[in-house]
Protein backbone atom coordinates (compact mmCIF):
# COMPACT_ATOMS: atom_id res chain seq x y z
CA MET A 1 9.89 -62.03 63.62
CA VAL A 2 6.98 -62.90 61.62
CA MET A 3 4.61 -64.96 63.89
CA GLY A 4 3.84 -68.59 62.64
CA LEU A 5 0.69 -70.14 62.40
CA LYS A 6 -0.35 -72.25 65.81
CA MET A 7 -1.86 -75.59 64.84
CA LYS A 8 -3.01 -78.27 67.47
CA LYS A 9 -1.69 -80.74 64.87
CA PRO A 10 1.18 -79.20 62.62
CA LEU A 11 0.68 -80.03 58.91
CA LYS A 12 2.97 -82.68 57.52
CA GLY A 13 4.89 -82.70 54.27
CA THR A 14 2.76 -85.15 52.82
CA LYS A 15 0.91 -84.90 49.46
CA ARG A 16 -2.33 -85.09 51.13
CA ASN A 17 -1.30 -82.51 53.58
CA ALA A 18 0.25 -80.21 50.88
CA LYS A 19 -3.21 -80.18 49.57
CA LYS A 20 -4.80 -79.16 52.82
CA ALA A 21 -2.39 -76.38 53.32
CA LEU A 22 -2.96 -75.15 49.67
CA SER A 23 -6.44 -75.02 50.16
CA LEU A 24 -5.85 -72.52 53.24
CA LEU A 25 -4.03 -70.52 50.90
CA ARG A 26 -6.38 -70.70 47.85
CA VAL A 27 -8.43 -67.75 46.83
CA ARG A 28 -12.54 -68.58 46.92
CA ASN A 29 -12.93 -71.79 44.65
CA SER A 30 -10.10 -70.87 42.53
CA PHE A 31 -6.43 -72.07 41.85
CA LEU A 32 -5.15 -68.42 42.52
CA TYR A 33 -3.34 -68.23 45.96
CA GLN A 34 -2.32 -65.95 48.65
CA ALA A 35 1.24 -66.01 49.71
CA ALA A 36 0.86 -67.56 53.42
CA TYR A 37 -0.95 -67.63 56.40
CA PRO A 38 -1.59 -66.07 58.65
CA ASN A 39 0.47 -62.48 57.62
CA TYR A 40 0.60 -62.51 53.59
CA PRO A 41 -3.15 -62.58 52.55
CA SER A 42 -2.53 -60.85 49.27
CA ASN A 43 -1.67 -62.17 46.05
CA PHE A 44 2.01 -62.11 45.06
CA THR A 45 2.89 -62.70 41.24
CA ARG A 46 6.56 -63.96 42.39
CA ASP A 47 5.51 -66.28 45.27
CA SER A 48 2.82 -67.74 43.27
CA LEU A 49 4.63 -68.33 39.84
CA ILE A 50 7.71 -69.55 41.64
CA TYR A 51 5.49 -71.95 43.65
CA THR A 52 4.05 -73.18 40.25
CA MET A 53 7.12 -73.66 38.58
CA LEU A 54 8.64 -75.34 41.56
CA SER A 55 5.39 -77.84 42.03
CA GLY A 56 4.61 -78.21 38.43
CA ASP A 57 0.96 -76.64 39.30
CA LYS A 58 0.10 -75.99 35.74
CA LYS A 59 -3.71 -74.99 36.83
CA GLY A 60 -2.17 -72.45 39.19
CA MET A 61 0.22 -71.24 36.87
CA ARG A 62 -2.26 -70.42 34.23
CA GLU A 63 -4.74 -68.83 36.72
CA GLN A 64 -1.94 -67.03 38.21
CA ILE A 65 -0.55 -65.86 34.70
CA ALA A 66 -4.38 -64.77 33.87
CA PHE A 67 -4.61 -62.54 36.95
CA SER A 68 -1.17 -60.85 36.54
CA ALA A 69 -1.94 -60.14 33.01
CA GLU A 70 -5.29 -58.71 33.88
CA ASN A 71 -3.35 -56.68 36.45
CA GLN A 72 -0.44 -55.66 34.16
CA GLY A 73 0.78 -51.78 34.35
CA LYS A 74 -0.76 -49.69 31.92
CA LYS A 75 0.61 -46.25 33.09
CA ALA A 76 3.45 -44.84 35.24
CA ASP A 77 1.98 -44.24 38.87
CA PRO A 78 4.48 -42.70 41.28
CA ILE A 79 2.48 -44.10 44.00
CA THR A 80 2.12 -47.69 43.39
CA GLY A 81 5.37 -48.06 41.31
CA GLU A 82 3.18 -49.37 38.15
CA GLU A 83 4.70 -48.76 34.98
CA PRO A 84 3.43 -49.91 31.41
CA GLY A 85 4.01 -53.54 31.10
CA LYS A 86 4.85 -54.12 34.60
CA ILE A 87 3.51 -57.16 36.52
CA HIS A 88 2.36 -56.68 40.04
CA HIS A 89 4.19 -57.51 43.20
CA GLU A 90 1.35 -57.67 45.64
CA LEU A 91 -2.53 -57.14 45.31
CA PRO A 92 -4.24 -56.15 47.09
CA ALA A 93 -1.38 -53.75 48.13
CA VAL A 94 -0.43 -52.45 51.29
CA ILE A 95 0.38 -48.83 52.42
CA MET A 96 3.51 -47.85 53.89
CA ASN A 97 5.08 -44.27 54.04
CA GLY A 98 2.10 -42.91 51.90
CA LYS A 99 3.44 -45.38 49.23
CA SER A 100 1.73 -48.45 47.81
CA SER A 101 3.47 -51.86 47.31
CA ALA A 102 1.30 -52.62 44.32
CA TYR A 103 3.95 -52.70 41.74
CA ASN A 104 7.16 -52.81 44.13
CA ALA A 105 9.17 -55.33 42.17
CA CYS A 106 11.66 -55.41 39.40
CA ASP A 107 11.60 -59.04 38.86
CA THR A 108 7.77 -60.16 38.52
CA THR A 109 7.66 -59.48 34.98
CA ALA A 110 10.93 -61.78 34.30
CA ILE A 111 9.04 -64.57 36.08
CA PHE A 112 5.89 -63.68 34.37
CA LEU A 113 7.27 -64.19 31.19
CA LEU A 114 9.25 -67.52 32.02
CA ALA A 115 6.12 -69.00 33.19
CA ILE A 116 4.41 -68.27 30.00
CA ALA A 117 7.46 -69.72 28.07
CA SER A 118 7.49 -72.66 30.31
CA LEU A 119 3.95 -73.63 29.48
CA ASN A 120 4.42 -72.97 25.78
CA GLU A 121 7.05 -75.29 26.08
CA SER A 122 4.85 -78.10 27.72
CA GLY A 123 2.40 -77.73 24.85
CA ASP A 124 0.30 -75.07 25.66
CA ASP A 125 -0.16 -74.18 22.04
CA ASN A 126 -2.49 -71.20 22.41
CA ILE A 127 -0.92 -69.23 25.52
CA LEU A 128 1.35 -67.07 22.93
CA ASP A 129 -1.42 -65.99 21.28
CA ILE A 130 -3.71 -65.48 24.35
CA TYR A 131 -1.34 -63.27 26.12
CA ALA A 132 0.63 -61.82 22.92
CA ASP A 133 -0.02 -58.23 24.04
CA ASN A 134 0.95 -58.76 27.66
CA ILE A 135 4.05 -60.26 26.33
CA GLU A 136 4.82 -57.33 24.11
CA ALA A 137 4.24 -54.98 27.06
CA GLY A 138 6.45 -57.29 29.20
CA ILE A 139 9.19 -57.08 26.76
CA ALA A 140 8.98 -53.40 26.41
CA TYR A 141 9.30 -53.14 30.34
CA ILE A 142 12.35 -54.90 30.59
CA LYS A 143 14.09 -53.23 27.44
CA SER A 144 13.22 -49.89 29.11
CA HIS A 145 15.03 -50.45 32.06
CA ILE A 146 18.27 -51.77 30.13
CA ARG A 147 21.60 -49.19 30.15
CA GLY A 148 24.87 -50.53 28.65
CA GLY A 149 23.40 -54.03 28.75
CA LEU A 150 22.63 -53.96 32.50
CA PHE A 151 19.10 -53.91 33.77
CA TYR A 152 18.59 -51.01 36.12
CA GLU A 153 15.50 -50.48 38.87
CA ASP A 154 14.74 -46.90 39.79
CA PRO A 155 11.40 -45.34 40.84
CA SER A 156 12.04 -42.75 38.56
CA PHE A 157 10.37 -44.85 35.53
CA SER A 158 7.28 -44.70 37.36
CA GLY A 159 7.52 -41.26 37.94
CA GLY A 160 8.74 -41.13 41.34
CA THR A 161 11.83 -40.86 43.71
CA LYS A 162 11.22 -43.88 46.04
CA PHE A 163 9.17 -47.06 46.35
CA ALA A 164 7.03 -47.97 49.33
CA LEU A 165 9.70 -51.27 49.77
CA LYS A 166 13.21 -50.43 50.31
CA VAL A 167 14.50 -53.27 48.07
CA THR A 168 12.18 -54.59 44.89
CA TYR A 169 13.71 -58.04 44.31
CA TRP A 170 12.80 -60.85 46.54
CA LYS A 171 14.92 -60.03 49.53
CA ASP A 172 12.76 -57.03 50.17
CA SER A 173 13.08 -55.81 53.61
CA GLU A 174 16.09 -53.58 53.32
CA ILE A 175 19.55 -53.31 51.48
CA ASN A 176 22.16 -55.38 53.56
CA HIS A 177 24.60 -52.49 53.40
CA GLU A 178 26.28 -50.09 55.94
CA ASN A 179 23.85 -47.34 54.49
CA THR A 180 20.63 -49.23 54.28
CA SER A 181 18.93 -46.33 52.50
CA THR A 182 18.87 -47.51 48.34
CA LYS A 183 20.64 -45.12 46.00
CA TYR A 184 18.86 -45.19 42.64
CA PRO A 185 19.31 -46.36 39.92
CA ILE A 186 20.61 -49.61 41.04
CA VAL A 187 21.35 -52.79 39.69
CA TYR A 188 20.52 -56.12 41.38
CA SER A 189 22.56 -58.93 40.36
CA LEU A 190 19.92 -61.41 40.73
CA ALA A 191 17.21 -59.33 38.98
CA HIS A 192 19.62 -58.67 36.26
CA PHE A 193 20.01 -62.45 35.43
CA GLN A 194 16.50 -63.10 36.13
CA ASN A 195 15.53 -60.58 33.38
CA ALA A 196 17.96 -61.63 31.09
CA SER A 197 16.84 -65.20 31.18
CA ALA A 198 13.30 -63.98 30.66
CA LEU A 199 14.03 -62.54 27.34
CA ARG A 200 15.98 -65.75 26.28
CA ALA A 201 13.06 -67.94 27.12
CA ILE A 202 10.35 -65.62 25.58
CA GLY A 203 12.79 -65.11 22.66
CA ILE A 204 12.86 -68.68 21.87
CA ALA A 205 9.28 -69.29 22.36
CA LEU A 206 8.71 -66.55 19.67
CA PHE A 207 11.43 -67.14 17.33
CA ARG A 208 12.95 -63.88 18.03
CA SER A 209 16.38 -63.44 17.30
CA ASP A 210 17.00 -60.22 18.51
CA LEU A 211 15.72 -60.94 22.13
CA ILE A 212 17.91 -63.85 22.12
CA ASP A 213 20.85 -61.91 21.03
CA LEU A 214 19.75 -58.88 23.75
CA ALA A 215 19.76 -61.49 26.35
CA GLU A 216 23.23 -63.16 25.62
CA LYS A 217 24.45 -59.58 25.52
CA MET A 218 23.13 -58.89 29.10
CA THR A 219 24.25 -62.08 30.31
CA ASP A 220 27.76 -61.48 29.14
CA THR A 221 27.82 -58.00 30.62
CA GLY A 222 26.41 -59.26 33.67
CA ILE A 223 29.41 -61.94 34.12
CA GLU A 224 31.75 -59.37 33.19
CA SER A 225 30.48 -56.26 35.25
CA LEU A 226 29.21 -57.97 38.36
CA TRP A 227 31.49 -60.52 38.93
CA GLN A 228 34.12 -59.93 42.15
CA ASP A 229 36.81 -62.11 42.89
CA ASP A 230 34.64 -65.55 43.34
CA HIS A 231 31.11 -64.21 43.24
CA PHE A 232 28.19 -61.94 41.82
CA ILE A 233 28.14 -58.59 43.91
CA VAL A 234 24.51 -58.06 45.18
CA ALA A 235 24.28 -54.84 43.70
CA ARG A 236 25.60 -51.67 42.46
CA ASP A 237 23.92 -48.40 43.24
CA GLY A 238 23.28 -45.14 41.68
CA GLU A 239 26.60 -44.00 42.98
CA GLY A 240 28.56 -46.52 41.57
CA LYS A 241 29.10 -48.25 44.95
CA ASP A 242 29.35 -52.27 44.84
CA ILE A 243 27.18 -53.83 48.01
CA ASP A 244 28.66 -56.98 48.49
CA PRO A 245 27.58 -58.44 51.72
CA VAL A 246 27.84 -62.36 51.67
CA SER A 247 24.62 -63.58 50.24
CA SER A 248 23.00 -66.34 48.65
CA ASP A 249 22.03 -64.36 45.15
CA SER A 250 25.27 -65.73 43.34
CA LEU A 251 24.20 -69.49 43.67
CA HIS A 252 20.57 -68.49 42.82
CA ALA A 253 21.61 -66.30 39.98
CA LEU A 254 23.18 -69.70 38.56
CA ASN A 255 19.47 -70.53 38.18
CA TYR A 256 19.36 -67.93 35.17
CA ILE A 257 22.56 -68.70 33.69
CA ASN A 258 23.12 -71.75 31.20
CA PRO A 259 26.24 -73.46 31.71
CA ASP A 260 27.12 -72.66 28.14
CA TYR A 261 27.55 -68.84 29.22
CA ILE A 262 29.84 -69.14 32.32
CA SER A 263 32.93 -70.90 32.82
CA ALA A 264 33.27 -73.98 35.22
CA ASP A 265 35.82 -72.04 37.07
CA TYR A 266 33.33 -69.34 38.24
CA VAL A 267 30.95 -71.86 38.92
CA GLY A 268 33.12 -73.78 41.26
CA LYS A 269 34.04 -70.46 43.00
CA VAL A 270 30.49 -69.71 43.40
CA GLU A 271 30.04 -73.14 45.33
CA LYS A 272 33.44 -72.60 47.34
CA TYR A 273 32.20 -68.89 48.45
CA MET A 274 28.39 -70.72 49.37
CA GLU A 275 30.17 -72.48 52.36
CA LYS A 276 30.15 -69.23 54.11
CA LEU A 277 26.56 -69.61 54.30
CA GLU A 278 26.26 -73.20 55.14
CA THR A 279 23.99 -74.53 57.86
CA GLU A 280 22.61 -78.07 59.03
CA ALA A 281 19.49 -76.93 57.57
CA GLY A 282 20.65 -75.66 54.29
CA TYR A 283 22.05 -72.18 53.26
CA LEU A 284 21.08 -68.74 54.98
CA SER A 285 20.11 -66.04 52.63
CA GLY A 286 22.44 -63.69 53.68
CA VAL A 287 24.77 -62.35 56.71
CA ALA A 288 24.12 -59.10 58.36
CA CYS A 289 26.56 -56.17 57.56
CA HIS A 290 25.87 -54.84 61.18
CA ASP A 291 23.89 -55.66 64.16
CA GLU A 292 21.38 -52.95 62.95
CA ILE A 293 20.25 -54.77 59.62
CA ASP A 294 16.74 -56.20 59.54
CA GLU A 295 17.37 -59.76 59.90
CA TYR A 296 14.52 -61.12 57.94
CA HIS A 297 16.62 -61.88 55.26
CA THR A 298 19.97 -62.40 56.85
CA ARG A 299 19.28 -64.54 59.99
CA TYR A 300 17.32 -67.48 58.32
CA VAL A 301 17.45 -70.38 55.83
CA TRP A 302 14.64 -69.77 53.64
CA THR A 303 12.79 -73.01 52.90
CA HIS A 304 11.83 -72.10 49.06
CA GLU A 305 15.17 -70.69 48.19
CA GLN A 306 16.57 -73.96 49.03
CA ALA A 307 14.64 -75.53 46.32
CA LEU A 308 16.45 -72.78 43.87
CA LEU A 309 19.72 -73.21 45.26
CA HIS A 310 19.18 -76.87 44.45
CA SER A 311 18.02 -76.38 40.97
CA ALA A 312 21.05 -74.17 40.46
CA SER A 313 23.40 -76.72 41.54
CA LYS A 314 21.94 -79.63 39.66
CA LYS A 315 21.82 -77.14 36.46
CA HIS A 316 25.44 -76.58 37.06
CA SER A 317 26.66 -80.20 38.39
CA MET A 318 27.58 -78.73 41.84
CA THR A 319 27.36 -81.71 44.17
CA ARG A 320 28.21 -80.22 47.20
CA SER A 321 25.97 -77.15 47.09
CA ALA A 322 22.92 -79.66 46.11
CA SER A 323 23.45 -81.73 48.82
CA VAL A 324 23.60 -78.73 51.27
CA SER A 325 20.68 -77.02 49.92
CA SER A 326 18.52 -80.31 50.26
CA ARG A 327 18.99 -80.78 53.99
CA ALA A 328 16.06 -78.20 54.32
CA VAL A 329 13.90 -81.03 53.34
CA GLU A 330 14.08 -82.37 57.26
CA TYR A 331 12.62 -79.07 58.41
CA MET A 332 9.75 -78.71 55.69
CA ASP A 333 6.79 -80.96 57.74
CA THR A 334 4.78 -77.52 58.26
CA PHE A 335 5.63 -75.70 55.31
CA PRO A 336 7.37 -72.97 57.01
CA GLU A 337 8.59 -69.90 55.52
CA ILE A 338 11.84 -69.92 57.31
CA ILE A 339 13.78 -71.93 59.53
CA ASP A 340 15.91 -70.44 62.56
CA PRO A 341 19.05 -71.33 63.37
CA LEU A 342 19.14 -69.03 66.61
CA GLU A 343 16.58 -71.15 67.75
CA GLY A 344 17.92 -74.85 67.19
CA PHE A 345 16.44 -74.69 63.81
CA LYS A 346 13.04 -74.45 64.40
CA PRO A 347 10.52 -73.63 61.57
CA ALA A 348 9.45 -70.03 61.80
CA GLY A 349 7.56 -67.36 60.09
CA ASN A 350 4.23 -67.77 58.27
CA GLN A 351 3.37 -71.86 57.97
CA PRO A 352 2.11 -72.48 55.62
CA GLN A 353 4.07 -70.23 52.94
CA LEU A 354 2.81 -70.92 49.45
CA TRP A 355 6.50 -71.31 47.96
CA ALA A 356 7.47 -73.52 50.87
CA ILE A 357 4.80 -76.03 49.63
CA GLY A 358 6.34 -75.74 46.08
CA ALA A 359 9.74 -76.18 47.40
CA SER A 360 8.55 -79.73 49.26
CA ARG A 361 6.85 -80.91 46.26
CA TYR A 362 9.88 -79.99 44.22
CA PHE A 363 12.19 -81.91 46.65
CA LYS A 364 9.97 -84.79 46.68
CA LYS A 365 10.42 -85.32 43.10
CA SER A 366 13.86 -84.11 42.37
CA LEU A 367 15.60 -86.12 44.95
CA ASP A 368 13.55 -89.42 43.77
CA SER A 369 14.37 -88.69 39.87
CA PRO A 370 17.33 -87.17 38.01
CA SER A 371 15.39 -84.41 36.17
CA ASP A 372 14.94 -81.24 37.85
CA ARG A 373 11.53 -79.31 37.04
CA TYR A 374 12.62 -75.74 37.98
CA ALA A 375 15.57 -75.90 35.95
CA LYS A 376 13.91 -76.93 32.63
CA VAL A 377 11.28 -74.68 32.98
CA ILE A 378 13.84 -71.39 33.22
CA SER A 379 16.47 -72.93 30.72
CA HIS A 380 14.01 -71.96 28.16
CA ILE A 381 13.13 -69.80 29.70
CA ALA A 382 -4.73 -74.11 61.90
CA THR A 383 -7.34 -76.03 60.49
CA PRO A 384 -7.32 -75.70 56.91
CA ARG A 385 -10.32 -73.86 55.55
CA SER A 386 -10.90 -72.08 51.98
CA PHE A 387 -10.10 -68.53 51.77
CA LEU A 388 -13.19 -67.36 50.98
CA ASN A 389 -14.00 -68.71 54.54
CA LEU A 390 -10.86 -67.51 56.21
CA ILE A 391 -11.64 -63.81 55.25
CA ASN A 392 -15.43 -64.08 56.18
CA SER A 393 -14.55 -65.36 59.30
CA ASP A 394 -12.81 -61.74 60.31
CA THR A 395 -14.78 -59.54 58.29
CA ALA A 396 -12.87 -56.24 59.76
CA LYS A 397 -9.40 -57.65 58.61
CA PHE A 398 -10.15 -59.27 55.40
CA SER A 399 -13.32 -57.41 54.14
CA HIS A 400 -11.09 -55.40 51.56
CA LEU A 401 -9.96 -58.45 49.93
CA THR A 402 -12.96 -60.33 49.59
CA LYS A 403 -14.28 -57.53 47.51
CA PHE A 404 -10.87 -56.89 45.69
CA TYR A 405 -10.95 -60.71 44.45
CA LYS A 406 -14.62 -60.99 43.65
CA LYS A 407 -13.84 -58.06 41.25
CA HIS A 408 -10.80 -59.02 39.72
CA LEU A 409 -10.76 -62.72 39.72
CA PRO A 410 -10.55 -64.19 36.17
CA LYS A 411 -14.37 -65.11 34.95
CA ARG A 412 -15.29 -68.62 34.97
């Protein structure tokens, strides 16, 4: 288990203490953030942009977009997983098995485009012009991965045979299957629908009917090919085998599918299917296939995902799943990464976690209001210290981060 942050007085989920938690994660004096304290001191595109979309933090969104655009992939690199147009996973990266985690994500480019589309939708008139080249590169990256209407992940796109990480969408510990070795090329259902949604969102923003048409084809193909009885499979691997453990991915994926594109019957079946994952603190992210599976993405209730599941539930008028996912609110006082049902639903993991702060802010506004910020965004589409003080306090551990951010932070 990842060890959490120990404080004399835990942070409480108030607006004031959300600000304190953010100050702990903030990079220098910017609105760029590390993913969590204490174990994820790097910047993760996925975590940061999901946080900004859940919380409505436009300053944070703009700064993360700028940072991700500056570091967008320009070449194929089998060590880092870099590809032209691909948005980074983790910077500074970590080295595992001789590979770098820098570009080990197949959903970050989609989330990047969704964030740009959401800023444009909210009236940021120059955003499409400022990032025109980055947008086109991101579109080209997604299109290069589409085969027969499905989005495939494969290290061969970067010239390699494997990534540092075993899995490259958000549940990136390992594949939850009897054989945990990922067989490429692979289709992850959630990542497929995220990339389709991104093409649709940016297509609407740019008045590009070709992108909208492609997105609709991907959505239709995904629903037809990846649906199994009452849910979407988690993945289909390079040997044509369906990887189909009990998983929250089906409800999560509905965030990226407009209600007009999927039948109410399918939606109802997903809601019923999710009962297998229900707990008093929300939904588990999955159920392990066997005892040897890494429990990081199967044992716990992930706080940030509850906000995304709640958003999907509201988008598709799923009352029960909205109610279940909102139970997590009672466990978010310290903005924990995860909640552990096997330890009496105690907060666990990193505390605070950036996207848990986003989830807390999302629920605060969503439960008080009929509107749903995240669904609207994607329909178009420890005593707190500053991060600089934090890294200066442990030179041996964080000196490389100081140098990295001083070099790569957007100029002010």
